[in-house]
Protein backbone atom coordinates (compact mmCIF):
# COMPACT_ATOMS: atom_id res chain seq x y z
CA UNK A 1 -258.29 137.67 57.16
CA UNK A 2 -262.01 138.40 57.05
CA UNK A 3 -264.41 135.73 58.30
CA UNK A 4 -267.90 134.82 57.16
CA UNK A 5 -270.50 132.68 58.91
CA UNK A 6 -273.08 131.07 56.67
CA UNK A 7 -275.97 129.32 58.36
CA UNK A 8 -277.23 126.17 56.67
CA UNK A 9 -273.98 125.94 54.71
CA UNK A 10 -273.55 122.17 54.73
CA UNK A 11 -275.32 121.74 51.36
CA UNK A 12 -277.03 123.49 48.47
CA UNK A 13 -276.87 127.25 48.10
CA UNK A 14 -275.21 127.70 51.49
CA UNK A 15 -272.31 125.43 50.55
CA UNK A 16 -272.01 127.06 47.12
CA UNK A 17 -271.86 130.49 48.76
CA UNK A 18 -269.25 129.25 51.23
CA UNK A 19 -267.16 127.91 48.37
CA UNK A 20 -267.32 131.16 46.38
CA UNK A 21 -266.43 133.34 49.36
CA UNK A 22 -263.67 130.95 50.39
CA UNK A 23 -262.19 131.05 46.89
CA UNK A 24 -262.01 134.81 47.32
CA UNK A 25 -259.88 134.48 50.43
CA UNK A 26 -262.38 134.65 53.28
CA UNK A 27 -262.25 132.32 56.28
CA UNK A 28 -265.52 130.40 56.21
CA UNK A 29 -267.59 129.21 59.15
CA UNK A 30 -270.00 126.47 58.10
CA UNK A 31 -273.06 126.77 60.35
CA UNK A 32 -275.06 123.54 60.45
CA UNK A 33 -277.44 121.80 62.86
CA UNK A 34 -275.76 118.46 62.18
CA UNK A 35 -272.19 118.33 63.43
CA UNK A 36 -271.38 115.43 61.10
CA UNK A 37 -272.74 117.14 57.99
CA UNK A 38 -271.16 120.48 58.89
CA UNK A 39 -267.78 118.86 59.55
CA UNK A 40 -267.97 116.98 56.24
CA UNK A 41 -268.75 120.21 54.34
CA UNK A 42 -265.86 122.04 56.03
CA UNK A 43 -263.52 119.14 55.21
CA UNK A 44 -264.64 119.21 51.58
CA UNK A 45 -263.82 122.92 51.34
CA UNK A 46 -260.48 122.49 53.11
CA UNK A 47 -259.66 119.88 50.46
CA UNK A 48 -260.11 122.68 47.92
CA UNK A 49 -257.68 124.93 49.78
CA UNK A 50 -260.34 127.01 51.57
CA UNK A 51 -259.95 127.98 55.23
CA UNK A 52 -263.21 126.43 56.41
CA UNK A 53 -264.39 125.53 59.90
CA UNK A 54 -267.61 124.05 61.21
CA UNK A 55 -269.70 125.37 64.05
CA UNK A 56 -272.84 123.65 65.28
CA UNK A 57 -275.66 126.12 64.81
CA UNK A 58 -279.41 125.69 65.18
CA UNK A 59 -280.99 129.09 64.56
CA UNK A 60 -284.13 128.04 66.44
CA UNK A 61 -282.14 127.62 69.67
CA UNK A 62 -280.93 130.71 71.55
CA UNK A 63 -278.39 128.55 73.40
CA UNK A 64 -276.99 127.19 70.13
CA UNK A 65 -276.72 130.68 68.64
CA UNK A 66 -274.98 131.99 71.77
CA UNK A 67 -272.53 129.08 71.83
CA UNK A 68 -271.68 129.54 68.14
CA UNK A 69 -271.23 133.29 68.60
CA UNK A 70 -268.92 132.76 71.58
CA UNK A 71 -266.77 130.22 69.72
CA UNK A 72 -266.44 132.38 66.63
CA UNK A 73 -265.67 135.45 68.73
CA UNK A 74 -262.99 133.57 70.67
CA UNK A 75 -261.34 132.04 67.59
CA UNK A 76 -261.49 134.54 64.73
CA UNK A 77 -264.16 137.18 65.06
CA UNK A 78 -266.80 137.74 62.40
CA UNK A 79 -267.07 140.19 59.53
CA UNK A 80 -269.94 138.79 57.46
CA UNK A 81 -273.11 136.91 58.42
CA UNK A 82 -275.24 135.22 55.79
CA UNK A 83 -278.45 133.73 57.12
CA UNK A 84 -279.19 130.91 54.70
CA UNK A 85 -280.88 128.53 57.15
CA UNK A 86 -284.56 127.91 56.62
CA UNK A 87 -287.04 126.99 59.30
């Protein structure tokens, strides 16, 4: 199964993109600065039958990006990256 990470995917266009890709069979990684909001978005998508997971991701923090990359690499790998986060 192919995996996609979408930064800023806990609401708005990021969440809509996650939903559309998930409906097409991709495993979705919800990247969000807020763990609570990211987890809620992933849960919402799982309720729709989408394989969605949350990863804490703050694109302004090198440590956060490295930790997210390591987790995704360890768990599923990554095929698609969509940078939707705004700073």
